[in-house]
C-alpha atoms as a PDB file:
ATOM      1  CA  UNK A   1      91.347 117.364 107.612  1.00  0.00           C
ATOM      2  CA  UNK A   2      89.408 114.136 107.984  1.00  0.00           C
ATOM      3  CA  UNK A   3      88.071 113.172 111.416  1.00  0.00           C
ATOM      4  CA  UNK A   4      86.714 109.712 112.034  1.00  0.00           C
ATOM      5  CA  UNK A   5      84.706 108.203 114.876  1.00  0.00           C
ATOM      6  CA  UNK A   6      84.641 104.714 116.370  1.00  0.00           C
ATOM      7  CA  UNK A   7      81.880 103.599 114.002  1.00  0.00           C
ATOM      8  CA  UNK A   8      84.212 104.518 111.136  1.00  0.00           C
ATOM      9  CA  UNK A   9      87.055 102.499 112.646  1.00  0.00           C
ATOM     10  CA  UNK A  10      84.707  99.507 113.002  1.00  0.00           C
ATOM     11  CA  UNK A  11      83.783  99.939 109.335  1.00  0.00           C
ATOM     12  CA  UNK A  12      87.474  99.952 108.327  1.00  0.00           C
ATOM     13  CA  UNK A  13      88.082  96.753 110.293  1.00  0.00           C
ATOM     14  CA  UNK A  14      84.958  94.935 109.055  1.00  0.00           C
ATOM     15  CA  UNK A  15      85.603  95.813 105.402  1.00  0.00           C
ATOM     16  CA  UNK A  16      89.415  95.413 105.703  1.00  0.00           C
ATOM     17  CA  UNK A  17      89.796  98.739 103.918  1.00  0.00           C
ATOM     18  CA  UNK A  18      93.153  99.923 102.588  1.00  0.00           C
ATOM     19  CA  UNK A  19      92.969 103.653 103.228  1.00  0.00           C
ATOM     20  CA  UNK A  20      94.072 106.134 100.576  1.00  0.00           C
ATOM     21  CA  UNK A  21      93.594 109.220 102.770  1.00  0.00           C
ATOM     22  CA  UNK A  22      94.716 110.236 106.260  1.00  0.00           C
ATOM     23  CA  UNK A  23      92.114 110.273 109.040  1.00  0.00           C
ATOM     24  CA  UNK A  24      92.395 111.719 112.540  1.00  0.00           C
ATOM     25  CA  UNK A  25      90.953 110.638 115.877  1.00  0.00           C
ATOM     26  CA  UNK A  26      89.648 113.088 118.471  1.00  0.00           C
ATOM     27  CA  UNK A  27      91.224 112.611 121.921  1.00  0.00           C
ATOM     28  CA  UNK A  28      88.358 110.683 123.574  1.00  0.00           C
ATOM     29  CA  UNK A  29      87.923 108.530 120.471  1.00  0.00           C
ATOM     30  CA  UNK A  30      91.515 107.352 120.850  1.00  0.00           C
ATOM     31  CA  UNK A  31      90.618 105.428 124.005  1.00  0.00           C
ATOM     32  CA  UNK A  32      87.524 103.900 122.419  1.00  0.00           C
ATOM     33  CA  UNK A  33      89.581 102.793 119.423  1.00  0.00           C
ATOM     34  CA  UNK A  34      92.016 100.941 121.686  1.00  0.00           C
ATOM     35  CA  UNK A  35      89.088  98.770 122.827  1.00  0.00           C
ATOM     36  CA  UNK A  36      87.934  98.349 119.225  1.00  0.00           C
ATOM     37  CA  UNK A  37      91.419  97.120 118.309  1.00  0.00           C
ATOM     38  CA  UNK A  38      91.227  94.495 121.061  1.00  0.00           C
ATOM     39  CA  UNK A  39      87.746  93.356 119.998  1.00  0.00           C
ATOM     40  CA  UNK A  40      88.759  92.963 116.330  1.00  0.00           C
ATOM     41  CA  UNK A  41      92.321  91.781 117.115  1.00  0.00           C
ATOM     42  CA  UNK A  42      93.591  94.330 114.600  1.00  0.00           C
ATOM     43  CA  UNK A  43      95.702  97.470 114.730  1.00  0.00           C
ATOM     44  CA  UNK A  44      94.491 100.728 113.244  1.00  0.00           C
ATOM     45  CA  UNK A  45      96.113 101.518 109.891  1.00  0.00           C
ATOM     46  CA  UNK A  46      99.024 103.966 109.713  1.00  0.00           C
ATOM     47  CA  UNK A  47      96.709 106.360 107.857  1.00  0.00           C
ATOM     48  CA  UNK A  48      94.719 106.856 111.065  1.00  0.00           C
ATOM     49  CA  UNK A  49      96.471 109.382 113.290  1.00  0.00           C
ATOM     50  CA  UNK A  50      95.768 111.456 116.386  1.00  0.00           C
ATOM     51  CA  UNK A  51      94.348 114.981 116.129  1.00  0.00           C
ATOM     52  CA  UNK A  52      96.564 116.141 118.985  1.00  0.00           C
ATOM     53  CA  UNK A  53      99.571 115.723 116.647  1.00  0.00           C
ATOM     54  CA  UNK A  54      98.285 118.352 114.194  1.00  0.00           C
ATOM     55  CA  UNK A  55      99.856 121.830 114.370  1.00  0.00           C
ATOM     56  CA  UNK A  56      96.430 123.496 114.516  1.00  0.00           C
ATOM     57  CA  UNK A  57      95.449 121.553 117.647  1.00  0.00           C
ATOM     58  CA  UNK A  58      95.925 123.471 120.907  1.00  0.00           C
ATOM     59  CA  UNK A  59      95.042 121.417 123.965  1.00  0.00           C
ATOM     60  CA  UNK A  60      94.072 124.389 126.131  1.00  0.00           C
ATOM     61  CA  UNK A  61      91.637 125.611 123.471  1.00  0.00           C
ATOM     62  CA  UNK A  62      90.366 122.050 123.061  1.00  0.00           C
ATOM     63  CA  UNK A  63      89.633 121.772 126.792  1.00  0.00           C
ATOM     64  CA  UNK A  64      87.656 125.012 126.677  1.00  0.00           C
ATOM     65  CA  UNK A  65      85.586 123.775 123.723  1.00  0.00           C
ATOM     66  CA  UNK A  66      85.186 120.383 125.402  1.00  0.00           C
ATOM     67  CA  UNK A  67      83.677 122.069 128.469  1.00  0.00           C
ATOM     68  CA  UNK A  68      81.283 124.091 126.292  1.00  0.00           C
ATOM     69  CA  UNK A  69      80.241 121.032 124.248  1.00  0.00           C
ATOM     70  CA  UNK A  70      79.908 118.865 127.358  1.00  0.00           C
ATOM     71  CA  UNK A  71      77.437 121.309 128.855  1.00  0.00           C
ATOM     72  CA  UNK A  72      75.415 121.811 125.673  1.00  0.00           C
ATOM     73  CA  UNK A  73      75.374 118.387 123.972  1.00  0.00           C
ATOM     74  CA  UNK A  74      72.180 116.620 125.000  1.00  0.00           C
ATOM     75  CA  UNK A  75      73.079 113.106 123.836  1.00  0.00           C
ATOM     76  CA  UNK A  76      75.721 112.445 126.500  1.00  0.00           C
ATOM     77  CA  UNK A  77      75.091 110.712 129.786  1.00  0.00           C
ATOM     78  CA  UNK A  78      77.265 110.622 132.870  1.00  0.00           C
ATOM     79  CA  UNK A  79      75.084 107.849 134.266  1.00  0.00           C
ATOM     80  CA  UNK A  80      75.516 105.588 131.203  1.00  0.00           C
ATOM     81  CA  UNK A  81      78.972 106.995 130.348  1.00  0.00           C
ATOM     82  CA  UNK A  82      78.078 107.606 126.708  1.00  0.00           C
ATOM     83  CA  UNK A  83      78.328 110.492 124.279  1.00  0.00           C
ATOM     84  CA  UNK A  84      81.771 111.655 125.357  1.00  0.00           C
ATOM     85  CA  UNK A  85      83.306 110.685 122.022  1.00  0.00           C
ATOM     86  CA  UNK A  86      80.747 112.907 120.294  1.00  0.00           C
ATOM     87  CA  UNK A  87      81.605 115.757 122.651  1.00  0.00           C
ATOM     88  CA  UNK A  88      85.285 115.237 121.857  1.00  0.00           C
ATOM     89  CA  UNK A  89      84.635 115.339 118.098  1.00  0.00           C
ATOM     90  CA  UNK A  90      82.626 118.564 118.414  1.00  0.00           C
ATOM     91  CA  UNK A  91      85.387 120.141 120.531  1.00  0.00           C
ATOM     92  CA  UNK A  92      88.091 118.930 118.129  1.00  0.00           C
ATOM     93  CA  UNK A  93      86.333 120.419 115.103  1.00  0.00           C
ATOM     94  CA  UNK A  94      86.009 123.778 116.860  1.00  0.00           C
ATOM     95  CA  UNK A  95      89.644 123.631 118.003  1.00  0.00           C
ATOM     96  CA  UNK A  96      90.879 122.943 114.465  1.00  0.00           C
ATOM     97  CA  UNK A  97      88.746 125.784 113.073  1.00  0.00           C
ATOM     98  CA  UNK A  98      90.199 128.106 115.723  1.00  0.00           C
ATOM     99  CA  UNK A  99      93.685 126.885 114.780  1.00  0.00           C
ATOM    100  CA  UNK A 100      93.046 127.783 111.134  1.00  0.00           C
ATOM    101  CA  UNK A 101      91.880 131.269 112.153  1.00  0.00           C
ATOM    102  CA  UNK A 102      94.987 131.754 114.266  1.00  0.00           C
ATOM    103  CA  UNK A 103      97.208 130.602 111.391  1.00  0.00           C
ATOM    104  CA  UNK A 104      95.490 133.037 109.052  1.00  0.00           C
ATOM    105  CA  UNK A 105      96.399 135.927 111.355  1.00  0.00           C
ATOM    106  CA  UNK A 106      99.949 134.860 112.177  1.00  0.00           C
ATOM    107  CA  UNK A 107     101.310 133.197 109.046  1.00  0.00           C
ATOM    108  CA  UNK A 108     101.781 134.201 105.457  1.00  0.00           C
ATOM    109  CA  UNK A 109     100.511 130.860 104.170  1.00  0.00           C
ATOM    110  CA  UNK A 110      97.714 128.981 105.868  1.00  0.00           C
ATOM    111  CA  UNK A 111      97.326 125.198 105.751  1.00  0.00           C
ATOM    112  CA  UNK A 112      93.567 125.560 106.046  1.00  0.00           C
ATOM    113  CA  UNK A 113      91.615 122.736 104.491  1.00  0.00           C
ATOM    114  CA  UNK A 114      88.014 121.605 104.803  1.00  0.00           C
ATOM    115  CA  UNK A 115      87.164 119.628 107.928  1.00  0.00           C
ATOM    116  CA  UNK A 116      85.290 116.438 107.090  1.00  0.00           C
ATOM    117  CA  UNK A 117      83.815 114.249 109.816  1.00  0.00           C
ATOM    118  CA  UNK A 118      83.081 110.647 108.881  1.00  0.00           C
ATOM    119  CA  UNK A 119      80.456 109.154 111.155  1.00  0.00           C
ATOM    120  CA  UNK A 120      77.669 106.606 111.212  1.00  0.00           C
ATOM    121  CA  UNK A 121      75.992 108.382 114.124  1.00  0.00           C
ATOM    122  CA  UNK A 122      72.908 110.261 112.865  1.00  0.00           C
ATOM    123  CA  UNK A 123      72.597 112.346 116.052  1.00  0.00           C
ATOM    124  CA  UNK A 124      76.221 113.492 115.858  1.00  0.00           C
ATOM    125  CA  UNK A 125      75.856 114.256 112.152  1.00  0.00           C
ATOM    126  CA  UNK A 126      72.803 116.415 112.848  1.00  0.00           C
ATOM    127  CA  UNK A 127      74.554 118.331 115.652  1.00  0.00           C
ATOM    128  CA  UNK A 128      77.666 118.914 113.523  1.00  0.00           C
ATOM    129  CA  UNK A 129      75.606 120.089 110.555  1.00  0.00           C
ATOM    130  CA  UNK A 130      73.647 122.502 112.761  1.00  0.00           C
ATOM    131  CA  UNK A 131      76.612 123.715 114.818  1.00  0.00           C
ATOM    132  CA  UNK A 132      78.990 124.300 111.915  1.00  0.00           C
ATOM    133  CA  UNK A 133      76.595 125.186 109.089  1.00  0.00           C
ATOM    134  CA  UNK A 134      78.405 128.461 108.349  1.00  0.00           C
ATOM    135  CA  UNK A 135      81.894 126.902 108.533  1.00  0.00           C
ATOM    136  CA  UNK A 136      83.882 124.796 106.118  1.00  0.00           C
ATOM    137  CA  UNK A 137      82.798 121.566 107.844  1.00  0.00           C
ATOM    138  CA  UNK A 138      81.260 118.605 106.051  1.00  0.00           C
ATOM    139  CA  UNK A 139      79.708 115.470 107.494  1.00  0.00           C
ATOM    140  CA  UNK A 140      79.923 112.240 105.513  1.00  0.00           C
ATOM    141  CA  UNK A 141      78.840 108.692 106.161  1.00  0.00           C
ATOM    142  CA  UNK A 142      81.199 105.836 106.866  1.00  0.00           C
ATOM    143  CA  UNK A 143      80.603 104.426 103.390  1.00  0.00           C
ATOM    144  CA  UNK A 144      82.573 107.403 102.025  1.00  0.00           C
ATOM    145  CA  UNK A 145      85.766 106.332 103.823  1.00  0.00           C
ATOM    146  CA  UNK A 146      88.446 105.616 101.211  1.00  0.00           C
END
């Protein structure tokens, strides 16, 4: 599963990329992307979808992980209203990983695939690498978006 942040969406718009893979947006990123669409006067490609539509995404689990990430992620600010997209990405990754674990227990065949987060945010990349170093989570730069 490929997750993408707002910086990645900006990259797609600036480079007018034709995507060959499917990318997903975390819930809070969805709102940021709507503003990005207005700024660039472009619509996101059909290959960019919403993480909440994936079978492995459970909103109640997501909200729990969002609360945990919100209280532990140091780069967010209520005063400046920033960092909430990063919190949402962290919570989404954990929710998807939990969904894969649940599938493994309940189903004969799992749809588990590596989780790859495409970001241009060095702080987020560092947190993801540290937080999910023992999981099947990769962090790639926006230049790797295809």
